């Protein structure tokens, strides 16, 4: 979500200052995503593991 907003900000930037700021925000959002991704990999989190709690609830219905 933060990354999407940063892209939108970049797309709508007018003038060099806004473009520079949008690039800064976009790079920060990408770096933050990379940090979270590394952490998820380190703790063994993956898509299947995220779905497990929801699969149990679907079986009860």
C-alpha atoms as a PDB file:
ATOM      1  CA  UNK A   1       0.000   0.000   0.000  1.00  0.00           C
ATOM      2  CA  UNK A   2       2.753   2.443   0.911  1.00  0.00           C
ATOM      3  CA  UNK A   3       4.613   1.428  -2.233  1.00  0.00           C
ATOM      4  CA  UNK A   4       1.483   1.997  -4.362  1.00  0.00           C
ATOM      5  CA  UNK A   5       0.998   5.470  -2.881  1.00  0.00           C
ATOM      6  CA  UNK A   6       4.628   6.285  -3.615  1.00  0.00           C
ATOM      7  CA  UNK A   7       4.148   5.269  -7.251  1.00  0.00           C
ATOM      8  CA  UNK A   8       1.024   7.409  -7.482  1.00  0.00           C
ATOM      9  CA  UNK A   9       2.906  10.347  -5.992  1.00  0.00           C
ATOM     10  CA  UNK A  10       5.645   9.877  -8.586  1.00  0.00           C
ATOM     11  CA  UNK A  11       3.125   9.649 -11.435  1.00  0.00           C
ATOM     12  CA  UNK A  12       1.479  12.894 -10.349  1.00  0.00           C
ATOM     13  CA  UNK A  13       4.658  14.823  -9.528  1.00  0.00           C
ATOM     14  CA  UNK A  14       5.045  18.208 -11.190  1.00  0.00           C
ATOM     15  CA  UNK A  15       8.384  19.967 -11.207  1.00  0.00           C
ATOM     16  CA  UNK A  16      11.817  18.777 -10.232  1.00  0.00           C
ATOM     17  CA  UNK A  17      11.335  19.176  -6.467  1.00  0.00           C
ATOM     18  CA  UNK A  18       8.199  17.023  -6.427  1.00  0.00           C
ATOM     19  CA  UNK A  19       9.842  14.442  -8.672  1.00  0.00           C
ATOM     20  CA  UNK A  20      12.908  14.281  -6.417  1.00  0.00           C
ATOM     21  CA  UNK A  21      10.727  13.932  -3.329  1.00  0.00           C
ATOM     22  CA  UNK A  22       8.583  11.250  -4.970  1.00  0.00           C
ATOM     23  CA  UNK A  23      11.712   9.286  -5.895  1.00  0.00           C
ATOM     24  CA  UNK A  24      12.937   9.559  -2.304  1.00  0.00           C
ATOM     25  CA  UNK A  25       9.594   8.277  -0.951  1.00  0.00           C
ATOM     26  CA  UNK A  26       9.477   5.489  -3.547  1.00  0.00           C
ATOM     27  CA  UNK A  27      12.989   4.304  -2.724  1.00  0.00           C
ATOM     28  CA  UNK A  28      12.185   4.375   0.995  1.00  0.00           C
ATOM     29  CA  UNK A  29       9.014   2.329   0.448  1.00  0.00           C
ATOM     30  CA  UNK A  30      10.918  -0.212  -1.645  1.00  0.00           C
ATOM     31  CA  UNK A  31      13.633  -0.496   0.998  1.00  0.00           C
ATOM     32  CA  UNK A  32      11.035  -0.967   3.727  1.00  0.00           C
ATOM     33  CA  UNK A  33       9.435  -3.758   1.668  1.00  0.00           C
ATOM     34  CA  UNK A  34      12.829  -5.438   1.250  1.00  0.00           C
ATOM     35  CA  UNK A  35      13.422  -5.298   5.006  1.00  0.00           C
ATOM     36  CA  UNK A  36      10.031  -6.890   5.722  1.00  0.00           C
ATOM     37  CA  UNK A  37      10.625  -9.545   3.060  1.00  0.00           C
ATOM     38  CA  UNK A  38      14.017 -10.479   4.535  1.00  0.00           C
ATOM     39  CA  UNK A  39      12.473 -10.722   7.993  1.00  0.00           C
ATOM     40  CA  UNK A  40       9.646 -12.940   6.720  1.00  0.00           C
ATOM     41  CA  UNK A  41      12.138 -15.247   5.025  1.00  0.00           C
ATOM     42  CA  UNK A  42      14.288 -15.385   8.149  1.00  0.00           C
ATOM     43  CA  UNK A  43      11.367 -16.538  10.307  1.00  0.00           C
ATOM     44  CA  UNK A  44      10.142 -18.967   7.650  1.00  0.00           C
ATOM     45  CA  UNK A  45       6.980 -17.098   6.769  1.00  0.00           C
ATOM     46  CA  UNK A  46       5.509 -17.865   3.373  1.00  0.00           C
ATOM     47  CA  UNK A  47       2.198 -17.639   1.522  1.00  0.00           C
ATOM     48  CA  UNK A  48       1.048 -21.116   2.572  1.00  0.00           C
ATOM     49  CA  UNK A  49       1.779 -20.432   6.213  1.00  0.00           C
ATOM     50  CA  UNK A  50      -0.221 -17.201   6.040  1.00  0.00           C
ATOM     51  CA  UNK A  51      -3.253 -19.027   4.634  1.00  0.00           C
ATOM     52  CA  UNK A  52      -3.352 -21.720   7.348  1.00  0.00           C
ATOM     53  CA  UNK A  53      -5.471 -19.789   9.899  1.00  0.00           C
ATOM     54  CA  UNK A  54      -8.037 -18.916   7.218  1.00  0.00           C
ATOM     55  CA  UNK A  55      -8.251 -22.468   5.887  1.00  0.00           C
ATOM     56  CA  UNK A  56      -9.233 -23.745   9.340  1.00  0.00           C
ATOM     57  CA  UNK A  57     -12.110 -21.238   9.509  1.00  0.00           C
ATOM     58  CA  UNK A  58     -13.372 -22.208   6.053  1.00  0.00           C
ATOM     59  CA  UNK A  59     -13.565 -25.869   7.098  1.00  0.00           C
ATOM     60  CA  UNK A  60     -15.818 -24.964  10.035  1.00  0.00           C
ATOM     61  CA  UNK A  61     -18.430 -23.317   7.815  1.00  0.00           C
END
